[in-house]
Amino acid sequence: MRWLPGEGGPLHSSADPPIESAAEGRALASAGDVWVWDPYGFIMGEPHRHFAVWDQLKSHPQRNMILDWRRNGVPVKQFIVPSKGKHRNGTFNHFFPQSCHFPNNRKCKLYRDIISHEIKNKIAMGAIRVWGKVGETPPSPIVIPFNIEPPKPCLVHDQQYLNCFMRKCPFSSDKVINLPCYLSRDSFHTKVDNNLGFDHFLTCKISLLG
């Protein structure tokens, strides 16, 4: 199913039964009950539209942080830490990322049309904003390069330099060996892998010069 841009879809899905019910074979769902993102109508920041649902996290240990992110966007600056190392034949030792401009990968010249199409889509959905016209508007303090994965092809924002200054946030996800716990015998399992998931959440406006 689809919904119009900005509507945000349903708050709950009938195709999302409790794990206990699914494990015991007491939950049946139809493919018609499944709601998925429409890539042609996707817009940035949809989870932020359902603050009332997130407000129900009464006993969550990180409730205040989660609600603040939903109200104001993810504060990227809080994740930046001092770093020392090497990047692209240069060394750095700074408390904050310094102003620098990196050239795009040379392979990008062969995929100009695909890259232009992807950038226009990102602008339309609100994932990126136009900074200004080259030659008329001064560039941002940090200009990250583009790279391309030819087999797909897929546009890549090469943020290796910024990643050097990001605080480590280890986490553990569920394992494949636990999958049988969620499925009953003779049942089917479907997964949707939508790369638009990278653009779900808004970020705060920050100055990368500190």
N, C-alpha and C. Protein backbone atom coordinates (compact mmCIF):
# COMPACT_ATOMS: atom_id res chain seq x y z
N MET A 1 0.83 -1.19 0.00
CA MET A 1 0.00 0.00 0.00
C MET A 1 0.88 1.25 0.00
N ARG A 2 0.27 2.38 -0.39
CA ARG A 2 0.98 3.64 -0.41
C ARG A 2 0.21 4.68 0.37
N TRP A 3 0.91 5.78 0.73
CA TRP A 3 0.21 6.94 1.23
C TRP A 3 0.86 8.18 0.62
N LEU A 4 0.13 9.30 0.63
CA LEU A 4 0.62 10.52 0.00
C LEU A 4 1.78 11.10 0.80
N PRO A 5 2.69 11.82 0.14
CA PRO A 5 3.80 12.45 0.85
C PRO A 5 3.31 13.35 1.99
N GLY A 6 3.90 13.18 3.16
CA GLY A 6 3.54 14.00 4.30
C GLY A 6 2.50 13.39 5.20
N GLU A 7 1.76 12.38 4.73
CA GLU A 7 0.74 11.77 5.57
C GLU A 7 1.35 10.87 6.63
N GLY A 8 2.48 10.27 6.31
CA GLY A 8 3.17 9.47 7.31
C GLY A 8 2.70 8.05 7.45
N GLY A 9 1.63 7.65 6.79
CA GLY A 9 1.18 6.27 6.88
C GLY A 9 0.51 5.96 8.21
N PRO A 10 0.21 4.69 8.46
CA PRO A 10 -0.48 4.31 9.69
C PRO A 10 0.46 4.33 10.87
N LEU A 11 -0.10 4.55 12.06
CA LEU A 11 0.72 4.51 13.27
C LEU A 11 1.03 3.08 13.67
N HIS A 12 0.14 2.17 13.35
CA HIS A 12 0.34 0.75 13.65
C HIS A 12 -0.14 -0.07 12.45
N SER A 13 0.42 -1.25 12.28
CA SER A 13 0.05 -2.10 11.16
C SER A 13 -0.54 -3.40 11.66
N SER A 14 -1.59 -3.87 11.01
CA SER A 14 -2.19 -5.15 11.38
C SER A 14 -1.26 -6.30 11.03
N ALA A 15 -0.22 -6.01 10.23
CA ALA A 15 0.73 -7.05 9.85
C ALA A 15 1.90 -7.12 10.83
N ASP A 16 1.75 -6.47 11.97
CA ASP A 16 2.83 -6.46 12.97
C ASP A 16 2.31 -7.02 14.29
N PRO A 17 2.06 -8.33 14.35
CA PRO A 17 1.50 -8.93 15.56
C PRO A 17 2.58 -9.11 16.62
N PRO A 18 2.20 -9.36 17.87
CA PRO A 18 3.19 -9.64 18.90
C PRO A 18 4.03 -10.86 18.54
N ILE A 19 5.29 -10.87 18.94
CA ILE A 19 6.19 -11.97 18.61
C ILE A 19 5.65 -13.29 19.16
N GLU A 20 5.04 -13.24 20.35
CA GLU A 20 4.54 -14.46 20.96
C GLU A 20 3.47 -15.11 20.09
N SER A 21 2.58 -14.27 19.53
CA SER A 21 1.51 -14.80 18.69
C SER A 21 2.07 -15.42 17.43
N ALA A 22 3.07 -14.75 16.82
CA ALA A 22 3.67 -15.28 15.60
C ALA A 22 4.39 -16.59 15.86
N ALA A 23 5.09 -16.66 17.00
CA ALA A 23 5.86 -17.86 17.33
C ALA A 23 4.95 -19.06 17.55
N GLU A 24 3.75 -18.83 18.05
CA GLU A 24 2.81 -19.91 18.32
C GLU A 24 1.87 -20.19 17.15
N GLY A 25 2.09 -19.48 16.05
CA GLY A 25 1.27 -19.71 14.87
C GLY A 25 -0.14 -19.18 14.98
N ARG A 26 -0.39 -18.23 15.88
CA ARG A 26 -1.73 -17.70 16.07
C ARG A 26 -1.96 -16.39 15.33
N ALA A 27 -0.95 -15.93 14.58
CA ALA A 27 -1.08 -14.67 13.87
C ALA A 27 -0.99 -14.90 12.37
N LEU A 28 -2.00 -14.47 11.66
CA LEU A 28 -2.03 -14.59 10.20
C LEU A 28 -2.10 -13.19 9.60
N ALA A 29 -1.37 -12.98 8.53
CA ALA A 29 -1.37 -11.66 7.89
C ALA A 29 -1.36 -11.85 6.38
N SER A 30 -1.91 -10.88 5.71
CA SER A 30 -1.94 -10.88 4.25
C SER A 30 -0.95 -9.83 3.74
N ALA A 31 -0.42 -10.06 2.55
CA ALA A 31 0.48 -9.08 1.96
C ALA A 31 -0.22 -7.74 1.76
N GLY A 32 -1.52 -7.77 1.64
CA GLY A 32 -2.28 -6.53 1.49
C GLY A 32 -2.31 -5.70 2.75
N ASP A 33 -1.94 -6.30 3.90
CA ASP A 33 -1.92 -5.56 5.16
C ASP A 33 -0.60 -4.84 5.39
N VAL A 34 0.38 -5.12 4.57
CA VAL A 34 1.72 -4.58 4.80
C VAL A 34 1.84 -3.18 4.21
N TRP A 35 2.32 -2.25 5.02
CA TRP A 35 2.55 -0.88 4.57
C TRP A 35 4.05 -0.70 4.37
N VAL A 36 4.44 -0.17 3.22
CA VAL A 36 5.85 0.08 2.93
C VAL A 36 6.01 1.49 2.39
N TRP A 37 7.23 2.00 2.48
CA TRP A 37 7.51 3.33 1.95
C TRP A 37 7.36 3.33 0.43
N ASP A 38 6.77 4.38 -0.08
CA ASP A 38 6.70 4.58 -1.52
C ASP A 38 7.91 5.41 -1.93
N PRO A 39 8.90 4.83 -2.62
CA PRO A 39 10.11 5.59 -2.95
C PRO A 39 9.86 6.80 -3.83
N TYR A 40 8.71 6.82 -4.53
CA TYR A 40 8.42 7.95 -5.40
C TYR A 40 7.68 9.07 -4.67
N GLY A 41 7.27 8.79 -3.44
CA GLY A 41 6.58 9.82 -2.66
C GLY A 41 7.23 10.07 -1.33
N PHE A 42 8.46 9.59 -1.16
CA PHE A 42 9.17 9.70 0.10
C PHE A 42 9.59 11.15 0.37
N ILE A 43 9.42 11.61 1.60
CA ILE A 43 9.95 12.90 2.02
C ILE A 43 10.68 12.72 3.34
N MET A 44 11.59 13.61 3.61
CA MET A 44 12.48 13.51 4.76
C MET A 44 11.73 13.73 6.07
N GLY A 45 12.14 12.99 7.11
CA GLY A 45 11.71 13.26 8.48
C GLY A 45 10.32 12.80 8.84
N GLU A 46 9.79 11.78 8.20
CA GLU A 46 8.44 11.33 8.51
C GLU A 46 8.26 10.88 9.97
N PRO A 47 9.23 10.17 10.60
CA PRO A 47 9.02 9.77 11.99
C PRO A 47 8.80 10.95 12.94
N HIS A 48 9.29 12.13 12.57
CA HIS A 48 9.12 13.30 13.43
C HIS A 48 7.67 13.77 13.47
N ARG A 49 6.84 13.30 12.55
CA ARG A 49 5.45 13.75 12.49
C ARG A 49 4.57 13.04 13.51
N HIS A 50 5.07 11.97 14.12
CA HIS A 50 4.24 11.18 15.04
C HIS A 50 4.78 11.27 16.46
N PHE A 51 4.94 12.50 16.95
CA PHE A 51 5.52 12.70 18.27
C PHE A 51 4.67 12.06 19.36
N ALA A 52 3.35 12.06 19.19
CA ALA A 52 2.47 11.50 20.22
C ALA A 52 2.75 10.02 20.46
N VAL A 53 3.14 9.31 19.42
CA VAL A 53 3.45 7.89 19.57
C VAL A 53 4.75 7.71 20.34
N TRP A 54 5.78 8.51 20.00
CA TRP A 54 7.05 8.41 20.72
C TRP A 54 6.88 8.83 22.18
N ASP A 55 5.94 9.70 22.46
CA ASP A 55 5.72 10.18 23.83
C ASP A 55 5.21 9.07 24.75
N GLN A 56 4.80 7.95 24.17
CA GLN A 56 4.32 6.83 24.98
C GLN A 56 5.45 6.02 25.60
N LEU A 57 6.71 6.37 25.31
CA LEU A 57 7.86 5.67 25.89
C LEU A 57 8.06 6.12 27.34
N LYS A 58 7.11 5.79 28.20
CA LYS A 58 7.11 6.31 29.57
C LYS A 58 8.29 5.81 30.39
N SER A 59 8.67 4.54 30.24
CA SER A 59 9.69 3.97 31.12
C SER A 59 11.01 3.71 30.41
N HIS A 60 11.17 4.20 29.19
CA HIS A 60 12.41 3.96 28.46
C HIS A 60 13.56 4.73 29.10
N PRO A 61 14.72 4.11 29.34
CA PRO A 61 15.83 4.80 30.01
C PRO A 61 16.37 6.00 29.24
N GLN A 62 16.15 6.05 27.93
CA GLN A 62 16.64 7.17 27.12
C GLN A 62 15.48 7.99 26.56
N ARG A 63 14.38 8.01 27.29
CA ARG A 63 13.17 8.68 26.82
C ARG A 63 13.40 10.15 26.48
N ASN A 64 14.03 10.90 27.38
CA ASN A 64 14.22 12.33 27.17
C ASN A 64 15.06 12.60 25.92
N MET A 65 16.10 11.81 25.71
CA MET A 65 16.95 12.00 24.55
C MET A 65 16.19 11.71 23.26
N ILE A 66 15.41 10.61 23.25
CA ILE A 66 14.65 10.24 22.06
C ILE A 66 13.62 11.31 21.72
N LEU A 67 12.92 11.82 22.72
CA LEU A 67 11.91 12.84 22.47
C LEU A 67 12.54 14.14 21.99
N ASP A 68 13.71 14.47 22.51
CA ASP A 68 14.40 15.67 22.06
C ASP A 68 14.81 15.55 20.60
N TRP A 69 15.27 14.36 20.20
CA TRP A 69 15.64 14.14 18.80
C TRP A 69 14.42 14.25 17.90
N ARG A 70 13.26 13.77 18.37
CA ARG A 70 12.06 13.85 17.55
C ARG A 70 11.58 15.28 17.41
N ARG A 71 11.77 16.09 18.46
CA ARG A 71 11.34 17.49 18.40
C ARG A 71 12.30 18.35 17.56
N ASN A 72 13.59 18.19 17.82
CA ASN A 72 14.56 19.15 17.31
C ASN A 72 15.54 18.59 16.29
N GLY A 73 15.49 17.30 16.02
CA GLY A 73 16.46 16.69 15.12
C GLY A 73 17.64 16.13 15.88
N VAL A 74 18.42 15.29 15.21
CA VAL A 74 19.57 14.64 15.85
C VAL A 74 20.73 15.65 15.93
N PRO A 75 21.24 15.94 17.14
CA PRO A 75 22.32 16.93 17.30
C PRO A 75 23.69 16.33 16.98
N VAL A 76 24.08 16.39 15.72
CA VAL A 76 25.31 15.74 15.28
C VAL A 76 26.52 16.25 16.06
N LYS A 77 26.51 17.51 16.44
CA LYS A 77 27.66 18.11 17.10
C LYS A 77 27.99 17.41 18.42
N GLN A 78 26.99 16.83 19.07
CA GLN A 78 27.22 16.13 20.33
C GLN A 78 28.01 14.85 20.15
N PHE A 79 28.12 14.36 18.93
CA PHE A 79 28.83 13.11 18.67
C PHE A 79 30.28 13.35 18.22
N ILE A 80 30.67 14.61 18.08
CA ILE A 80 32.01 14.93 17.58
C ILE A 80 33.00 14.96 18.74
N VAL A 81 34.13 14.29 18.56
CA VAL A 81 35.17 14.22 19.59
C VAL A 81 36.52 14.57 18.96
N PRO A 82 37.53 14.96 19.75
CA PRO A 82 38.86 15.23 19.19
C PRO A 82 39.43 13.98 18.52
N SER A 83 40.24 14.20 17.48
CA SER A 83 40.78 13.06 16.74
C SER A 83 42.18 13.40 16.21
N LYS A 84 42.98 12.37 16.10
CA LYS A 84 44.33 12.50 15.56
C LYS A 84 44.59 11.33 14.64
N GLY A 85 45.11 11.60 13.44
CA GLY A 85 45.38 10.50 12.52
C GLY A 85 45.77 11.00 11.15
N LYS A 86 45.57 10.15 10.15
CA LYS A 86 45.91 10.46 8.77
C LYS A 86 44.68 10.26 7.88
N HIS A 87 44.60 11.09 6.86
CA HIS A 87 43.51 10.95 5.89
C HIS A 87 43.95 11.55 4.57
N ARG A 88 43.89 10.75 3.51
CA ARG A 88 44.26 11.19 2.16
C ARG A 88 45.64 11.84 2.13
N ASN A 89 46.62 11.12 2.61
CA ASN A 89 48.02 11.57 2.58
C ASN A 89 48.28 12.80 3.44
N GLY A 90 47.32 13.17 4.29
CA GLY A 90 47.52 14.29 5.20
C GLY A 90 47.30 13.87 6.63
N THR A 91 47.88 14.60 7.57
CA THR A 91 47.71 14.30 8.99
C THR A 91 46.83 15.37 9.63
N PHE A 92 46.18 15.00 10.72
CA PHE A 92 45.35 15.95 11.46
C PHE A 92 45.43 15.64 12.95
N ASN A 93 45.26 16.66 13.74
CA ASN A 93 45.24 16.55 15.20
C ASN A 93 44.42 17.73 15.72
N HIS A 94 43.08 17.55 15.75
CA HIS A 94 42.18 18.66 16.03
C HIS A 94 41.11 18.24 17.03
N PHE A 95 40.58 19.23 17.73
CA PHE A 95 39.45 19.00 18.62
C PHE A 95 38.14 18.98 17.84
N PHE A 96 38.14 19.56 16.63
CA PHE A 96 36.94 19.67 15.82
C PHE A 96 37.35 19.59 14.35
N PRO A 97 36.54 19.01 13.48
CA PRO A 97 36.90 18.94 12.06
C PRO A 97 37.22 20.32 11.49
N GLN A 98 38.33 20.41 10.80
CA GLN A 98 38.76 21.68 10.23
C GLN A 98 38.22 21.87 8.82
N SER A 99 38.23 23.11 8.37
CA SER A 99 37.75 23.42 7.03
C SER A 99 38.63 22.75 5.98
N CYS A 100 38.00 22.02 5.07
CA CYS A 100 38.74 21.34 4.01
C CYS A 100 37.77 20.95 2.89
N HIS A 101 38.30 20.90 1.68
CA HIS A 101 37.51 20.56 0.49
C HIS A 101 38.16 19.38 -0.20
N PHE A 102 37.37 18.33 -0.46
CA PHE A 102 37.89 17.13 -1.09
C PHE A 102 37.31 16.99 -2.50
N PRO A 103 38.12 16.61 -3.47
CA PRO A 103 37.61 16.42 -4.84
C PRO A 103 36.85 15.11 -4.96
N ASN A 104 35.91 15.07 -5.89
CA ASN A 104 35.15 13.84 -6.14
C ASN A 104 36.06 12.76 -6.74
N ASN A 105 35.63 11.52 -6.57
CA ASN A 105 36.34 10.43 -7.20
C ASN A 105 36.29 10.59 -8.72
N ARG A 106 37.38 10.27 -9.39
CA ARG A 106 37.46 10.47 -10.84
C ARG A 106 36.42 9.65 -11.61
N LYS A 107 35.97 8.54 -11.02
CA LYS A 107 34.97 7.72 -11.70
C LYS A 107 33.63 8.43 -11.85
N CYS A 108 33.41 9.46 -11.03
CA CYS A 108 32.12 10.16 -11.08
C CYS A 108 31.87 10.82 -12.43
N LYS A 109 32.93 11.19 -13.13
CA LYS A 109 32.77 11.84 -14.43
C LYS A 109 32.05 10.94 -15.43
N LEU A 110 32.17 9.63 -15.24
CA LEU A 110 31.54 8.69 -16.17
C LEU A 110 30.05 8.50 -15.87
N TYR A 111 29.58 9.02 -14.75
CA TYR A 111 28.19 8.79 -14.33
C TYR A 111 27.50 10.11 -13.98
N ARG A 112 27.79 11.14 -14.74
CA ARG A 112 27.26 12.46 -14.44
C ARG A 112 25.73 12.49 -14.44
N ASP A 113 25.11 11.86 -15.43
CA ASP A 113 23.64 11.88 -15.52
C ASP A 113 23.01 11.18 -14.31
N ILE A 114 23.56 10.03 -13.92
CA ILE A 114 23.02 9.29 -12.77
C ILE A 114 23.19 10.09 -11.49
N ILE A 115 24.35 10.72 -11.32
CA ILE A 115 24.61 11.51 -10.12
C ILE A 115 23.68 12.72 -10.06
N SER A 116 23.49 13.39 -11.20
CA SER A 116 22.59 14.55 -11.24
C SER A 116 21.16 14.15 -10.87
N HIS A 117 20.71 13.01 -11.41
CA HIS A 117 19.36 12.52 -11.11
C HIS A 117 19.21 12.22 -9.61
N GLU A 118 20.24 11.60 -9.02
CA GLU A 118 20.18 11.26 -7.59
C GLU A 118 20.17 12.52 -6.73
N ILE A 119 20.96 13.51 -7.08
CA ILE A 119 20.99 14.76 -6.32
C ILE A 119 19.64 15.47 -6.38
N LYS A 120 19.02 15.51 -7.56
CA LYS A 120 17.71 16.14 -7.70
C LYS A 120 16.66 15.43 -6.84
N ASN A 121 16.73 14.10 -6.78
CA ASN A 121 15.79 13.35 -5.94
C ASN A 121 15.99 13.68 -4.47
N LYS A 122 17.26 13.78 -4.05
CA LYS A 122 17.55 14.11 -2.65
C LYS A 122 17.05 15.49 -2.28
N ILE A 123 17.17 16.43 -3.21
CA ILE A 123 16.68 17.78 -2.96
C ILE A 123 15.15 17.77 -2.85
N ALA A 124 14.50 17.04 -3.74
CA ALA A 124 13.03 16.99 -3.75
C ALA A 124 12.48 16.39 -2.47
N MET A 125 13.15 15.38 -1.92
CA MET A 125 12.64 14.74 -0.70
C MET A 125 13.08 15.47 0.57
N GLY A 126 13.97 16.45 0.44
CA GLY A 126 14.38 17.22 1.60
C GLY A 126 15.59 16.66 2.33
N ALA A 127 16.24 15.64 1.75
CA ALA A 127 17.40 15.03 2.41
C ALA A 127 18.62 15.94 2.35
N ILE A 128 18.73 16.75 1.29
CA ILE A 128 19.80 17.74 1.18
C ILE A 128 19.19 19.06 0.71
N ARG A 129 19.90 20.16 0.99
CA ARG A 129 19.44 21.47 0.58
C ARG A 129 20.50 22.15 -0.27
N VAL A 130 20.05 23.02 -1.14
CA VAL A 130 20.96 23.73 -2.03
C VAL A 130 21.70 24.81 -1.23
N TRP A 131 23.03 24.74 -1.26
CA TRP A 131 23.84 25.71 -0.53
C TRP A 131 23.97 27.01 -1.33
N GLY A 132 24.14 26.89 -2.63
CA GLY A 132 24.28 28.06 -3.49
C GLY A 132 24.92 27.67 -4.80
N LYS A 133 25.09 28.62 -5.68
CA LYS A 133 25.66 28.38 -6.99
C LYS A 133 27.17 28.50 -6.93
N VAL A 134 27.85 27.52 -7.54
CA VAL A 134 29.31 27.52 -7.56
C VAL A 134 29.81 28.78 -8.26
N GLY A 135 30.77 29.46 -7.63
CA GLY A 135 31.31 30.69 -8.18
C GLY A 135 30.64 31.93 -7.66
N GLU A 136 29.42 31.79 -7.10
CA GLU A 136 28.70 32.93 -6.56
C GLU A 136 28.56 32.84 -5.04
N THR A 137 28.43 31.62 -4.52
CA THR A 137 28.25 31.40 -3.09
C THR A 137 29.49 30.72 -2.52
N PRO A 138 30.06 31.24 -1.44
CA PRO A 138 31.22 30.57 -0.83
C PRO A 138 30.85 29.15 -0.41
N PRO A 139 31.75 28.18 -0.61
CA PRO A 139 31.45 26.79 -0.25
C PRO A 139 31.34 26.63 1.26
N SER A 140 30.73 25.55 1.68
CA SER A 140 30.63 25.24 3.10
C SER A 140 32.01 24.94 3.66
N PRO A 141 32.21 25.01 4.99
CA PRO A 141 33.53 24.77 5.57
C PRO A 141 34.13 23.44 5.17
N ILE A 142 33.29 22.40 5.09
CA ILE A 142 33.77 21.08 4.70
C ILE A 142 32.98 20.61 3.48
N VAL A 143 33.68 20.32 2.41
CA VAL A 143 33.06 19.80 1.19
C VAL A 143 33.49 18.34 1.05
N ILE A 144 32.54 17.43 1.28
CA ILE A 144 32.86 16.01 1.19
C ILE A 144 32.77 15.56 -0.27
N PRO A 145 33.53 14.56 -0.63
CA PRO A 145 33.54 14.11 -2.03
C PRO A 145 32.46 13.08 -2.32
N PHE A 146 32.12 12.96 -3.58
CA PHE A 146 31.25 11.89 -4.06
C PHE A 146 32.11 10.74 -4.56
N ASN A 147 31.56 9.55 -4.40
CA ASN A 147 32.14 8.35 -5.00
C ASN A 147 30.99 7.60 -5.66
N ILE A 148 31.28 6.61 -6.44
CA ILE A 148 30.24 5.87 -7.15
C ILE A 148 30.55 4.38 -7.11
N GLU A 149 29.52 3.58 -6.90
CA GLU A 149 29.65 2.13 -6.99
C GLU A 149 29.10 1.72 -8.35
N PRO A 150 29.96 1.50 -9.33
CA PRO A 150 29.51 1.25 -10.71
C PRO A 150 28.55 0.08 -10.90
N PRO A 151 28.72 -1.07 -10.21
CA PRO A 151 27.84 -2.20 -10.51
C PRO A 151 26.36 -1.89 -10.31
N LYS A 152 26.01 -0.99 -9.37
CA LYS A 152 24.58 -0.80 -9.08
C LYS A 152 23.86 0.08 -10.09
N PRO A 153 24.31 1.31 -10.48
CA PRO A 153 25.31 2.15 -9.80
C PRO A 153 24.69 2.85 -8.60
N CYS A 154 25.53 3.20 -7.63
CA CYS A 154 25.04 3.81 -6.40
C CYS A 154 25.93 4.99 -6.04
N LEU A 155 25.32 6.13 -5.76
CA LEU A 155 26.06 7.32 -5.36
C LEU A 155 26.45 7.21 -3.89
N VAL A 156 27.69 7.52 -3.58
CA VAL A 156 28.21 7.40 -2.21
C VAL A 156 28.71 8.76 -1.74
N HIS A 157 28.27 9.19 -0.55
CA HIS A 157 28.81 10.38 0.08
C HIS A 157 29.99 9.94 0.93
N ASP A 158 31.18 10.26 0.50
CA ASP A 158 32.40 9.80 1.18
C ASP A 158 32.68 10.69 2.39
N GLN A 159 32.24 10.24 3.58
CA GLN A 159 32.40 11.02 4.79
C GLN A 159 33.45 10.43 5.73
N GLN A 160 34.48 9.82 5.15
CA GLN A 160 35.51 9.20 5.96
C GLN A 160 36.22 10.21 6.86
N TYR A 161 36.43 11.42 6.34
CA TYR A 161 37.10 12.44 7.15
C TYR A 161 36.27 12.78 8.38
N LEU A 162 34.98 13.03 8.20
CA LEU A 162 34.11 13.34 9.34
C LEU A 162 33.99 12.17 10.30
N ASN A 163 33.99 10.95 9.76
CA ASN A 163 33.88 9.77 10.62
C ASN A 163 35.05 9.66 11.60
N CYS A 164 36.20 10.23 11.23
CA CYS A 164 37.35 10.19 12.14
C CYS A 164 37.06 10.93 13.44
N PHE A 165 36.13 11.88 13.41
CA PHE A 165 35.83 12.70 14.58
C PHE A 165 34.55 12.28 15.28
N MET A 166 33.95 11.18 14.86
CA MET A 166 32.69 10.77 15.45
C MET A 166 32.90 9.82 16.64
N ARG A 167 32.18 10.08 17.70
CA ARG A 167 32.27 9.25 18.90
C ARG A 167 31.79 7.84 18.58
N LYS A 168 32.49 6.85 19.10
CA LYS A 168 32.11 5.46 18.88
C LYS A 168 30.83 5.14 19.64
N CYS A 169 29.87 4.57 18.94
CA CYS A 169 28.59 4.20 19.55
C CYS A 169 28.30 2.73 19.23
N PRO A 170 28.96 1.81 19.91
CA PRO A 170 28.75 0.39 19.60
C PRO A 170 27.34 -0.06 19.93
N PHE A 171 26.84 -1.00 19.17
CA PHE A 171 25.52 -1.56 19.41
C PHE A 171 25.52 -2.99 18.90
N SER A 172 24.54 -3.74 19.32
CA SER A 172 24.39 -5.12 18.86
C SER A 172 22.99 -5.30 18.30
N SER A 173 22.90 -5.91 17.17
CA SER A 173 21.61 -6.19 16.55
C SER A 173 21.26 -7.67 16.71
N ASP A 174 20.03 -8.01 16.39
CA ASP A 174 19.60 -9.40 16.49
C ASP A 174 20.40 -10.26 15.53
N LYS A 175 20.50 -11.54 15.83
CA LYS A 175 21.29 -12.46 15.02
C LYS A 175 20.39 -13.38 14.20
N VAL A 176 20.93 -13.88 13.10
CA VAL A 176 20.17 -14.75 12.22
C VAL A 176 19.71 -16.01 12.96
N ILE A 177 20.52 -16.48 13.91
CA ILE A 177 20.16 -17.72 14.62
C ILE A 177 18.90 -17.55 15.45
N ASN A 178 18.51 -16.30 15.74
CA ASN A 178 17.28 -16.06 16.50
C ASN A 178 16.04 -15.98 15.63
N LEU A 179 16.23 -15.99 14.31
CA LEU A 179 15.10 -15.85 13.40
C LEU A 179 14.03 -16.92 13.59
N PRO A 180 14.39 -18.19 13.83
CA PRO A 180 13.34 -19.20 14.01
C PRO A 180 12.38 -18.91 15.16
N CYS A 181 12.81 -18.09 16.11
CA CYS A 181 11.93 -17.75 17.24
C CYS A 181 10.73 -16.92 16.79
N TYR A 182 10.86 -16.25 15.65
CA TYR A 182 9.79 -15.36 15.18
C TYR A 182 8.91 -16.00 14.13
N LEU A 183 9.20 -17.24 13.73
CA LEU A 183 8.47 -17.88 12.65
C LEU A 183 7.85 -19.19 13.11
N SER A 184 6.66 -19.43 12.63
CA SER A 184 6.02 -20.72 12.90
C SER A 184 6.33 -21.68 11.76
N ARG A 185 6.12 -22.96 11.98
CA ARG A 185 6.41 -23.96 10.97
C ARG A 185 5.58 -23.72 9.71
N ASP A 186 6.20 -23.92 8.54
CA ASP A 186 5.55 -23.76 7.23
C ASP A 186 5.09 -22.32 6.98
N SER A 187 5.76 -21.35 7.57
CA SER A 187 5.40 -19.95 7.34
C SER A 187 6.43 -19.31 6.41
N PHE A 188 6.10 -18.13 5.91
CA PHE A 188 6.98 -17.40 5.01
C PHE A 188 7.50 -16.15 5.70
N HIS A 189 8.68 -15.75 5.31
CA HIS A 189 9.29 -14.56 5.89
C HIS A 189 9.72 -13.63 4.77
N THR A 190 9.34 -12.35 4.86
CA THR A 190 9.67 -11.36 3.83
C THR A 190 10.37 -10.18 4.45
N LYS A 191 11.37 -9.66 3.76
CA LYS A 191 12.12 -8.51 4.25
C LYS A 191 12.15 -7.44 3.17
N VAL A 192 12.00 -6.19 3.59
CA VAL A 192 12.07 -5.06 2.67
C VAL A 192 13.33 -4.27 3.00
N ASP A 193 14.21 -4.14 2.04
CA ASP A 193 15.46 -3.39 2.21
C ASP A 193 15.37 -2.10 1.42
N ASN A 194 15.04 -1.02 2.10
CA ASN A 194 14.81 0.26 1.44
C ASN A 194 15.91 1.23 1.83
N ASN A 195 16.73 1.64 0.88
CA ASN A 195 17.85 2.53 1.22
C ASN A 195 17.39 3.92 1.62
N LEU A 196 16.10 4.24 1.46
CA LEU A 196 15.59 5.52 1.92
C LEU A 196 15.62 5.62 3.44
N GLY A 197 15.86 4.49 4.10
CA GLY A 197 15.94 4.51 5.56
C GLY A 197 17.03 5.43 6.07
N PHE A 198 18.05 5.69 5.25
CA PHE A 198 19.11 6.60 5.68
C PHE A 198 18.62 8.04 5.77
N ASP A 199 17.49 8.33 5.18
CA ASP A 199 16.99 9.71 5.14
C ASP A 199 15.74 9.91 5.98
N HIS A 200 15.50 9.02 6.93
CA HIS A 200 14.27 9.12 7.71
C HIS A 200 14.29 10.28 8.70
N PHE A 201 15.46 10.55 9.30
CA PHE A 201 15.50 11.45 10.44
C PHE A 201 16.17 12.78 10.10
N LEU A 202 15.66 13.84 10.72
CA LEU A 202 16.21 15.17 10.52
C LEU A 202 17.42 15.37 11.42
N THR A 203 18.36 16.20 10.98
CA THR A 203 19.51 16.56 11.80
C THR A 203 19.48 18.06 12.11
N CYS A 204 20.10 18.42 13.22
CA CYS A 204 20.14 19.84 13.60
C CYS A 204 21.08 20.60 12.68
N LYS A 205 20.83 21.86 12.49
CA LYS A 205 21.74 22.71 11.73
C LYS A 205 22.93 23.04 12.63
N ILE A 206 24.13 22.75 12.18
CA ILE A 206 25.32 23.02 12.98
C ILE A 206 26.38 23.72 12.13
N SER A 207 27.30 24.35 12.80
CA SER A 207 28.46 24.93 12.11
C SER A 207 29.63 24.01 12.33
N LEU A 208 30.21 23.53 11.26
CA LEU A 208 31.34 22.61 11.37
C LEU A 208 32.65 23.35 11.63
N LEU A 209 32.55 24.63 11.96
CA LEU A 209 33.75 25.35 12.41
C LEU A 209 33.69 25.57 13.92
N GLY A 210 32.77 24.86 14.58
CA GLY A 210 32.69 24.93 16.03
C GLY A 210 31.76 26.04 16.50
